PDB file of N, CA and C in Angstrom:
ATOM      1  N   MET A   1     -42.584 241.367 214.074  1.00  0.00           N
ATOM      2  CA  MET A   1     -43.865 240.995 213.512  1.00  0.00           C
ATOM      3  C   MET A   1     -44.484 239.911 214.390  1.00  0.00           C
ATOM      4  N   LYS A   2     -45.819 239.996 214.557  1.00  0.00           N
ATOM      5  CA  LYS A   2     -46.532 239.027 215.382  1.00  0.00           C
ATOM      6  C   LYS A   2     -47.524 238.258 214.530  1.00  0.00           C
ATOM      7  N   ARG A   3     -47.647 236.990 214.836  1.00  0.00           N
ATOM      8  CA  ARG A   3     -48.617 236.121 214.156  1.00  0.00           C
ATOM      9  C   ARG A   3     -49.909 236.180 214.975  1.00  0.00           C
ATOM     10  N   VAL A   4     -51.032 236.416 214.287  1.00  0.00           N
ATOM     11  CA  VAL A   4     -52.338 236.510 214.947  1.00  0.00           C
ATOM     12  C   VAL A   4     -53.331 235.597 214.262  1.00  0.00           C
ATOM     13  N   ILE A   5     -54.401 235.259 215.001  1.00  0.00           N
ATOM     14  CA  ILE A   5     -55.479 234.402 214.488  1.00  0.00           C
ATOM     15  C   ILE A   5     -56.773 235.208 214.550  1.00  0.00           C
ATOM     16  N   ALA A   6     -57.483 235.310 213.431  1.00  0.00           N
ATOM     17  CA  ALA A   6     -58.727 236.080 213.364  1.00  0.00           C
ATOM     18  C   ALA A   6     -59.811 235.372 214.167  1.00  0.00           C
ATOM     19  N   LEU A   7     -60.508 236.111 215.026  1.00  0.00           N
ATOM     20  CA  LEU A   7     -61.620 235.578 215.805  1.00  0.00           C
ATOM     21  C   LEU A   7     -62.958 235.780 215.116  1.00  0.00           C
ATOM     22  N   GLN A   8     -62.969 236.682 214.131  1.00  0.00           N
ATOM     23  CA  GLN A   8     -64.169 236.939 213.341  1.00  0.00           C
ATOM     24  C   GLN A   8     -63.727 237.501 211.997  1.00  0.00           C
ATOM     25  N   SER A   9     -64.624 237.570 211.048  1.00  0.00           N
ATOM     26  CA  SER A   9     -64.281 238.095 209.721  1.00  0.00           C
ATOM     27  C   SER A   9     -64.176 239.618 209.775  1.00  0.00           C
ATOM     28  N   PHE A  10     -63.178 240.155 209.075  1.00  0.00           N
ATOM     29  CA  PHE A  10     -63.005 241.603 208.951  1.00  0.00           C
ATOM     30  C   PHE A  10     -62.085 241.873 207.760  1.00  0.00           C
ATOM     31  N   ASP A  11     -61.962 243.148 207.406  1.00  0.00           N
ATOM     32  CA  ASP A  11     -61.135 243.551 206.281  1.00  0.00           C
ATOM     33  C   ASP A  11     -59.927 244.320 206.801  1.00  0.00           C
ATOM     34  N   HIS A  12     -58.740 243.776 206.552  1.00  0.00           N
ATOM     35  CA  HIS A  12     -57.483 244.446 206.930  1.00  0.00           C
ATOM     36  C   HIS A  12     -56.434 244.000 205.925  1.00  0.00           C
ATOM     37  N   GLY A  13     -56.172 244.824 204.937  1.00  0.00           N
ATOM     38  CA  GLY A  13     -55.229 244.453 203.884  1.00  0.00           C
ATOM     39  C   GLY A  13     -55.739 243.259 203.087  1.00  0.00           C
ATOM     40  N   GLY A  14     -57.063 243.197 202.938  1.00  0.00           N
ATOM     41  CA  GLY A  14     -57.701 242.067 202.296  1.00  0.00           C
ATOM     42  C   GLY A  14     -58.669 241.410 203.275  1.00  0.00           C
ATOM     43  N   MET A  15     -59.541 240.610 202.787  1.00  0.00           N
ATOM     44  CA  MET A  15     -60.556 239.978 203.628  1.00  0.00           C
ATOM     45  C   MET A  15     -59.911 238.917 204.532  1.00  0.00           C
ATOM     46  N   ARG A  16     -60.168 239.025 205.826  1.00  0.00           N
ATOM     47  CA  ARG A  16     -59.687 238.033 206.797  1.00  0.00           C
ATOM     48  C   ARG A  16     -60.910 237.317 207.351  1.00  0.00           C
ATOM     49  N   ARG A  17     -60.894 236.002 207.327  1.00  0.00           N
ATOM     50  CA  ARG A  17     -62.007 235.208 207.825  1.00  0.00           C
ATOM     51  C   ARG A  17     -61.634 234.576 209.162  1.00  0.00           C
ATOM     52  N   ARG A  18     -62.642 234.178 209.921  1.00  0.00           N
ATOM     53  CA  ARG A  18     -62.426 233.551 211.223  1.00  0.00           C
ATOM     54  C   ARG A  18     -61.483 232.363 211.072  1.00  0.00           C
ATOM     55  N   GLY A  19     -60.458 232.309 211.912  1.00  0.00           N
ATOM     56  CA  GLY A  19     -59.501 231.221 211.873  1.00  0.00           C
ATOM     57  C   GLY A  19     -58.285 231.476 211.009  1.00  0.00           C
ATOM     58  N   ASP A  20     -58.301 232.545 210.194  1.00  0.00           N
ATOM     59  CA  ASP A  20     -57.138 232.866 209.363  1.00  0.00           C
ATOM     60  C   ASP A  20     -55.959 233.260 210.260  1.00  0.00           C
ATOM     61  N   VAL A  21     -54.773 232.788 209.900  1.00  0.00           N
ATOM     62  CA  VAL A  21     -53.540 233.147 210.600  1.00  0.00           C
ATOM     63  C   VAL A  21     -52.741 234.059 209.684  1.00  0.00           C
ATOM     64  N   PHE A  22     -52.314 235.212 210.207  1.00  0.00           N
ATOM     65  CA  PHE A  22     -51.530 236.150 209.415  1.00  0.00           C
ATOM     66  C   PHE A  22     -50.598 236.941 210.313  1.00  0.00           C
ATOM     67  N   VAL A  23     -49.669 237.672 209.696  1.00  0.00           N
ATOM     68  CA  VAL A  23     -48.632 238.393 210.420  1.00  0.00           C
ATOM     69  C   VAL A  23     -48.874 239.887 210.284  1.00  0.00           C
ATOM     70  N   VAL A  24     -48.778 240.621 211.423  1.00  0.00           N
ATOM     71  CA  VAL A  24     -48.896 242.071 211.451  1.00  0.00           C
ATOM     72  C   VAL A  24     -47.837 242.623 212.411  1.00  0.00           C
ATOM     73  N   SER A  25     -47.677 243.932 212.415  1.00  0.00           N
ATOM     74  CA  SER A  25     -46.722 244.556 213.317  1.00  0.00           C
ATOM     75  C   SER A  25     -47.226 244.417 214.764  1.00  0.00           C
ATOM     76  N   PRO A  26     -46.345 244.494 215.745  1.00  0.00           N
ATOM     77  CA  PRO A  26     -46.752 244.368 217.145  1.00  0.00           C
ATOM     78  C   PRO A  26     -47.802 245.411 217.563  1.00  0.00           C
ATOM     79  N   GLN A  27     -47.686 246.641 217.044  1.00  0.00           N
ATOM     80  CA  GLN A  27     -48.658 247.677 217.402  1.00  0.00           C
ATOM     81  C   GLN A  27     -50.043 247.350 216.848  1.00  0.00           C
ATOM     82  N   VAL A  28     -50.105 246.929 215.611  1.00  0.00           N
ATOM     83  CA  VAL A  28     -51.384 246.578 214.986  1.00  0.00           C
ATOM     84  C   VAL A  28     -51.969 245.349 215.665  1.00  0.00           C
ATOM     85  N   ALA A  29     -51.117 244.377 216.017  1.00  0.00           N
ATOM     86  CA  ALA A  29     -51.587 243.175 216.706  1.00  0.00           C
ATOM     87  C   ALA A  29     -52.250 243.543 218.030  1.00  0.00           C
ATOM     88  N   GLU A  30     -51.633 244.442 218.783  1.00  0.00           N
ATOM     89  CA  GLU A  30     -52.210 244.859 220.074  1.00  0.00           C
ATOM     90  C   GLU A  30     -53.527 245.602 219.895  1.00  0.00           C
ATOM     91  N   GLN A  31     -53.606 246.480 218.887  1.00  0.00           N
ATOM     92  CA  GLN A  31     -54.855 247.209 218.624  1.00  0.00           C
ATOM     93  C   GLN A  31     -55.974 246.237 218.244  1.00  0.00           C
ATOM     94  N   MET A  32     -55.670 245.293 217.370  1.00  0.00           N
ATOM     95  CA  MET A  32     -56.687 244.330 216.957  1.00  0.00           C
ATOM     96  C   MET A  32     -57.102 243.436 218.131  1.00  0.00           C
ATOM     97  N   HIS A  33     -56.161 243.076 218.975  1.00  0.00           N
ATOM     98  CA  HIS A  33     -56.465 242.253 220.136  1.00  0.00           C
ATOM     99  C   HIS A  33     -57.378 243.010 221.097  1.00  0.00           C
ATOM    100  N   ARG A  34     -57.083 244.295 221.351  1.00  0.00           N
ATOM    101  CA  ARG A  34     -57.923 245.113 222.239  1.00  0.00           C
ATOM    102  C   ARG A  34     -59.332 245.247 221.697  1.00  0.00           C
ATOM    103  N   ASN A  35     -59.478 245.279 220.371  1.00  0.00           N
ATOM    104  CA  ASN A  35     -60.801 245.408 219.744  1.00  0.00           C
ATOM    105  C   ASN A  35     -61.525 244.073 219.585  1.00  0.00           C
ATOM    106  N   GLY A  36     -60.880 242.975 220.001  1.00  0.00           N
ATOM    107  CA  GLY A  36     -61.522 241.672 219.951  1.00  0.00           C
ATOM    108  C   GLY A  36     -61.563 241.033 218.576  1.00  0.00           C
ATOM    109  N   LEU A  37     -60.693 241.479 217.680  1.00  0.00           N
ATOM    110  CA  LEU A  37     -60.685 240.928 216.329  1.00  0.00           C
ATOM    111  C   LEU A  37     -59.778 239.708 216.184  1.00  0.00           C
ATOM    112  N   VAL A  38     -58.691 239.663 216.975  1.00  0.00           N
ATOM    113  CA  VAL A  38     -57.726 238.595 216.824  1.00  0.00           C
ATOM    114  C   VAL A  38     -57.260 238.085 218.179  1.00  0.00           C
ATOM    115  N   ARG A  39     -56.640 236.913 218.139  1.00  0.00           N
ATOM    116  CA  ARG A  39     -55.927 236.344 219.293  1.00  0.00           C
ATOM    117  C   ARG A  39     -54.475 236.250 218.863  1.00  0.00           C
ATOM    118  N   ILE A  40     -53.558 236.702 219.683  1.00  0.00           N
ATOM    119  CA  ILE A  40     -52.144 236.660 219.338  1.00  0.00           C
ATOM    120  C   ILE A  40     -51.702 235.207 219.465  1.00  0.00           C
ATOM    121  N   HIS A  41     -51.094 234.680 218.414  1.00  0.00           N
ATOM    122  CA  HIS A  41     -50.786 233.252 218.286  1.00  0.00           C
ATOM    123  C   HIS A  41     -49.915 232.743 219.419  1.00  0.00           C
ATOM    124  N   SER A  42     -48.952 233.491 219.891  1.00  0.00           N
ATOM    125  CA  SER A  42     -48.024 233.011 220.909  1.00  0.00           C
ATOM    126  C   SER A  42     -48.647 232.959 222.300  1.00  0.00           C
ATOM    127  N   GLU A  43     -49.789 233.619 222.490  1.00  0.00           N
ATOM    128  CA  GLU A  43     -50.447 233.616 223.797  1.00  0.00           C
ATOM    129  C   GLU A  43     -51.124 232.282 224.051  1.00  0.00           C
ATOM    130  N   SER A  44     -51.326 231.976 225.328  1.00  0.00           N
ATOM    131  CA  SER A  44     -52.122 230.798 225.649  1.00  0.00           C
ATOM    132  C   SER A  44     -53.587 231.119 225.352  1.00  0.00           C
ATOM    133  N   LYS A  45     -54.390 230.090 225.310  1.00  0.00           N
ATOM    134  CA  LYS A  45     -55.808 230.290 224.965  1.00  0.00           C
ATOM    135  C   LYS A  45     -56.494 231.161 226.011  1.00  0.00           C
ATOM    136  N   SER A  46     -57.346 232.042 225.550  1.00  0.00           N
ATOM    137  CA  SER A  46     -58.079 232.939 226.441  1.00  0.00           C
ATOM    138  C   SER A  46     -59.386 232.279 226.872  1.00  0.00           C
ATOM    139  N   PRO A  47     -60.088 232.843 227.858  1.00  0.00           N
ATOM    140  CA  PRO A  47     -61.373 232.288 228.278  1.00  0.00           C
ATOM    141  C   PRO A  47     -62.404 232.262 227.151  1.00  0.00           C
ATOM    142  N   ALA A  48     -62.234 233.118 226.152  1.00  0.00           N
ATOM    143  CA  ALA A  48     -63.165 233.132 225.037  1.00  0.00           C
ATOM    144  C   ALA A  48     -62.942 231.932 224.122  1.00  0.00           C
ATOM    145  N   ASP A  49     -61.804 231.259 224.288  1.00  0.00           N
ATOM    146  CA  ASP A  49     -61.455 230.088 223.470  1.00  0.00           C
ATOM    147  C   ASP A  49     -61.024 228.969 224.420  1.00  0.00           C
ATOM    148  N   PRO A  50     -61.956 228.394 225.195  1.00  0.00           N
ATOM    149  CA  PRO A  50     -61.590 227.450 226.248  1.00  0.00           C
ATOM    150  C   PRO A  50     -61.151 226.087 225.706  1.00  0.00           C
ATOM    151  N   SER A  51     -60.354 225.406 226.501  1.00  0.00           N
ATOM    152  CA  SER A  51     -59.960 224.043 226.165  1.00  0.00           C
ATOM    153  C   SER A  51     -60.974 223.065 226.754  1.00  0.00           C
ATOM    154  N   GLN A  52     -60.770 221.771 226.532  1.00  0.00           N
ATOM    155  CA  GLN A  52     -61.681 220.775 227.090  1.00  0.00           C
ATOM    156  C   GLN A  52     -61.610 220.828 228.611  1.00  0.00           C
ATOM    157  N   ALA A  53     -62.731 220.627 229.252  1.00  0.00           N
ATOM    158  CA  ALA A  53     -62.780 220.616 230.701  1.00  0.00           C
ATOM    159  C   ALA A  53     -62.117 219.360 231.228  1.00  0.00           C
ATOM    160  N   ALA A  54     -61.433 219.494 232.350  1.00  0.00           N
ATOM    161  CA  ALA A  54     -60.776 218.356 232.973  1.00  0.00           C
ATOM    162  C   ALA A  54     -61.788 217.591 233.819  1.00  0.00           C
ATOM    163  N   GLY A  55     -61.504 216.332 234.094  1.00  0.00           N
ATOM    164  CA  GLY A  55     -62.358 215.559 234.970  1.00  0.00           C
ATOM    165  C   GLY A  55     -63.107 214.463 234.241  1.00  0.00           C
ATOM    166  N   ALA A  56     -63.925 213.750 235.013  1.00  0.00           N
ATOM    167  CA  ALA A  56     -64.679 212.625 234.464  1.00  0.00           C
ATOM    168  C   ALA A  56     -65.873 213.111 233.654  1.00  0.00           C
ATOM    169  N   LYS A  57     -66.418 212.214 232.844  1.00  0.00           N
ATOM    170  CA  LYS A  57     -67.589 212.558 232.063  1.00  0.00           C
ATOM    171  C   LYS A  57     -68.777 212.805 232.974  1.00  0.00           C
ATOM    172  N   SER A  58     -69.739 213.563 232.493  1.00  0.00           N
ATOM    173  CA  SER A  58     -70.915 213.901 233.261  1.00  0.00           C
ATOM    174  C   SER A  58     -71.725 212.644 233.585  1.00  0.00           C
ATOM    175  N   SER A  59     -72.319 212.630 234.779  1.00  0.00           N
ATOM    176  CA  SER A  59     -73.134 211.489 235.179  1.00  0.00           C
ATOM    177  C   SER A  59     -74.606 211.695 234.824  1.00  0.00           C
ATOM    178  N   ALA A  60     -74.893 212.762 234.105  1.00  0.00           N
ATOM    179  CA  ALA A  60     -76.276 213.055 233.725  1.00  0.00           C
ATOM    180  C   ALA A  60     -76.797 211.975 232.777  1.00  0.00           C
ATOM    181  N   SER A  61     -78.051 211.684 232.894  1.00  0.00           N
ATOM    182  CA  SER A  61     -78.669 210.665 232.038  1.00  0.00           C
ATOM    183  C   SER A  61     -78.796 211.182 230.610  1.00  0.00           C
ATOM    184  N   PRO A  62     -78.687 210.304 229.635  1.00  0.00           N
ATOM    185  CA  PRO A  62     -78.882 210.748 228.252  1.00  0.00           C
ATOM    186  C   PRO A  62     -80.343 211.113 228.020  1.00  0.00           C
ATOM    187  N   ALA A  63     -80.598 211.848 226.983  1.00  0.00           N
ATOM    188  CA  ALA A  63     -81.959 212.274 226.673  1.00  0.00           C
ATOM    189  C   ALA A  63     -82.832 211.056 226.379  1.00  0.00           C
ATOM    190  N   ALA A  64     -84.081 211.148 226.818  1.00  0.00           N
ATOM    191  CA  ALA A  64     -85.032 210.063 226.579  1.00  0.00           C
ATOM    192  C   ALA A  64     -85.532 210.124 225.152  1.00  0.00           C
ATOM    193  N   PRO A  65     -85.904 208.972 224.580  1.00  0.00           N
ATOM    194  CA  PRO A  65     -86.440 209.005 223.216  1.00  0.00           C
ATOM    195  C   PRO A  65     -87.797 209.710 223.186  1.00  0.00           C
ATOM    196  N   VAL A  66     -88.133 210.247 222.050  1.00  0.00           N
ATOM    197  CA  VAL A  66     -89.374 210.985 221.881  1.00  0.00           C
ATOM    198  C   VAL A  66     -90.540 209.998 221.874  1.00  0.00           C
ATOM    199  N   SER A  67     -91.643 210.372 222.554  1.00  0.00           N
ATOM    200  CA  SER A  67     -92.836 209.527 222.552  1.00  0.00           C
ATOM    201  C   SER A  67     -93.482 209.528 221.174  1.00  0.00           C
ATOM    202  N   ARG A  68     -94.099 208.406 220.825  1.00  0.00           N
ATOM    203  CA  ARG A  68     -94.795 208.347 219.536  1.00  0.00           C
ATOM    204  C   ARG A  68     -96.023 209.249 219.580  1.00  0.00           C
ATOM    205  N   LYS A  69     -96.361 209.799 218.439  1.00  0.00           N
ATOM    206  CA  LYS A  69     -97.498 210.682 218.339  1.00  0.00           C
ATOM    207  C   LYS A  69     -98.791 209.880 218.519  1.00  0.00           C
ATOM    208  N   ARG A  70     -99.676 210.389 219.350  1.00  0.00           N
ATOM    209  CA  ARG A  70    -100.954 209.702 219.581  1.00  0.00           C
ATOM    210  C   ARG A  70    -101.913 210.002 218.431  1.00  0.00           C
ATOM    211  N   THR A  71    -102.654 209.029 218.066  1.00  0.00           N
ATOM    212  CA  THR A  71    -103.652 209.204 217.013  1.00  0.00           C
ATOM    213  C   THR A  71    -105.012 208.834 217.565  1.00  0.00           C
ATOM    214  N   ALA A  72    -106.044 209.379 216.948  1.00  0.00           N
ATOM    215  CA  ALA A  72    -107.405 209.056 217.360  1.00  0.00           C
ATOM    216  C   ALA A  72    -107.714 207.621 216.941  1.00  0.00           C
ATOM    217  N   ARG A  73    -108.377 206.875 217.831  1.00  0.00           N
ATOM    218  CA  ARG A  73    -108.729 205.488 217.525  1.00  0.00           C
ATOM    219  C   ARG A  73    -110.167 205.440 217.049  1.00  0.00           C
ATOM    220  N   LYS A  74    -110.410 204.592 216.103  1.00  0.00           N
ATOM    221  CA  LYS A  74    -111.773 204.454 215.576  1.00  0.00           C
ATOM    222  C   LYS A  74    -112.605 203.575 216.502  1.00  0.00           C
ATOM    223  N   SER A  75    -113.850 203.920 216.646  1.00  0.00           N
ATOM    224  CA  SER A  75    -114.759 203.090 217.433  1.00  0.00           C
ATOM    225  C   SER A  75    -115.275 201.950 216.555  1.00  0.00           C
ATOM    226  N   GLU A  76    -116.124 201.103 217.111  1.00  0.00           N
ATOM    227  CA  GLU A  76    -116.660 199.971 216.356  1.00  0.00           C
ATOM    228  C   GLU A  76    -117.474 200.462 215.158  1.00  0.00           C
ATOM    229  N   SER A  77    -118.113 201.639 215.271  1.00  0.00           N
ATOM    230  CA  SER A  77    -118.914 202.150 214.174  1.00  0.00           C
ATOM    231  C   SER A  77    -118.061 202.842 213.107  1.00  0.00           C
ATOM    232  N   GLY A  78    -116.735 202.981 213.377  1.00  0.00           N
ATOM    233  CA  GLY A  78    -115.853 203.606 212.388  1.00  0.00           C
ATOM    234  C   GLY A  78    -115.651 205.093 212.623  1.00  0.00           C
ATOM    235  N   GLU A  79    -116.301 205.648 213.639  1.00  0.00           N
ATOM    236  CA  GLU A  79    -116.131 207.068 213.942  1.00  0.00           C
ATOM    237  C   GLU A  79    -115.064 207.242 214.996  1.00  0.00           C
ATOM    238  N   THR A  80    -114.325 208.360 214.918  1.00  0.00           N
ATOM    239  CA  THR A  80    -113.341 208.663 215.950  1.00  0.00           C
ATOM    240  C   THR A  80    -114.052 209.286 217.127  1.00  0.00           C
ATOM    241  N   ASP A  81    -113.371 209.369 218.245  1.00  0.00           N
ATOM    242  CA  ASP A  81    -113.952 209.981 219.443  1.00  0.00           C
ATOM    243  C   ASP A  81    -114.369 211.415 219.177  1.00  0.00           C
ATOM    244  N   ALA A  82    -113.591 212.160 218.398  1.00  0.00           N
ATOM    245  CA  ALA A  82    -113.918 213.553 218.100  1.00  0.00           C
ATOM    246  C   ALA A  82    -115.203 213.649 217.299  1.00  0.00           C
ATOM    247  N   GLN A  83    -115.438 212.746 216.383  1.00  0.00           N
ATOM    248  CA  GLN A  83    -116.651 212.786 215.569  1.00  0.00           C
ATOM    249  C   GLN A  83    -117.898 212.456 216.419  1.00  0.00           C
ATOM    250  N   GLN A  84    -117.742 211.559 217.414  1.00  0.00           N
ATOM    251  CA  GLN A  84    -118.879 211.191 218.261  1.00  0.00           C
ATOM    252  C   GLN A  84    -119.266 212.367 219.144  1.00  0.00           C
ATOM    253  N   ILE A  85    -118.315 213.161 219.614  1.00  0.00           N
ATOM    254  CA  ILE A  85    -118.617 214.283 220.482  1.00  0.00           C
ATOM    255  C   ILE A  85    -119.338 215.378 219.714  1.00  0.00           C
ATOM    256  N   GLU A  86    -118.957 215.628 218.456  1.00  0.00           N
ATOM    257  CA  GLU A  86    -119.567 216.690 217.656  1.00  0.00           C
ATOM    258  C   GLU A  86    -121.042 216.433 217.393  1.00  0.00           C
ATOM    259  N   GLN A  87    -121.474 215.170 217.356  1.00  0.00           N
ATOM    260  CA  GLN A  87    -122.857 214.870 217.018  1.00  0.00           C
ATOM    261  C   GLN A  87    -123.765 215.120 218.142  1.00  0.00           C
TER     262      GLN A  87
END
């Protein structure tokens, strides 16, 4: 019997959800693995389930803060620029 980990939800002897660990026969484990439903527990992680990247942290700059929203300014007469243009 082989222990497998579900990669997505499916129904096999009951509902299996992503991340569920369960035991099946070696033949069924291989079929499910070929169909992309499970990862065999004893195997090392596959490229579809990568580990943390090695090396130093990225030197990219953090995201800049969002600019404040601009608003129309009132003129001395109390009208906005848009109102003065319409007249």
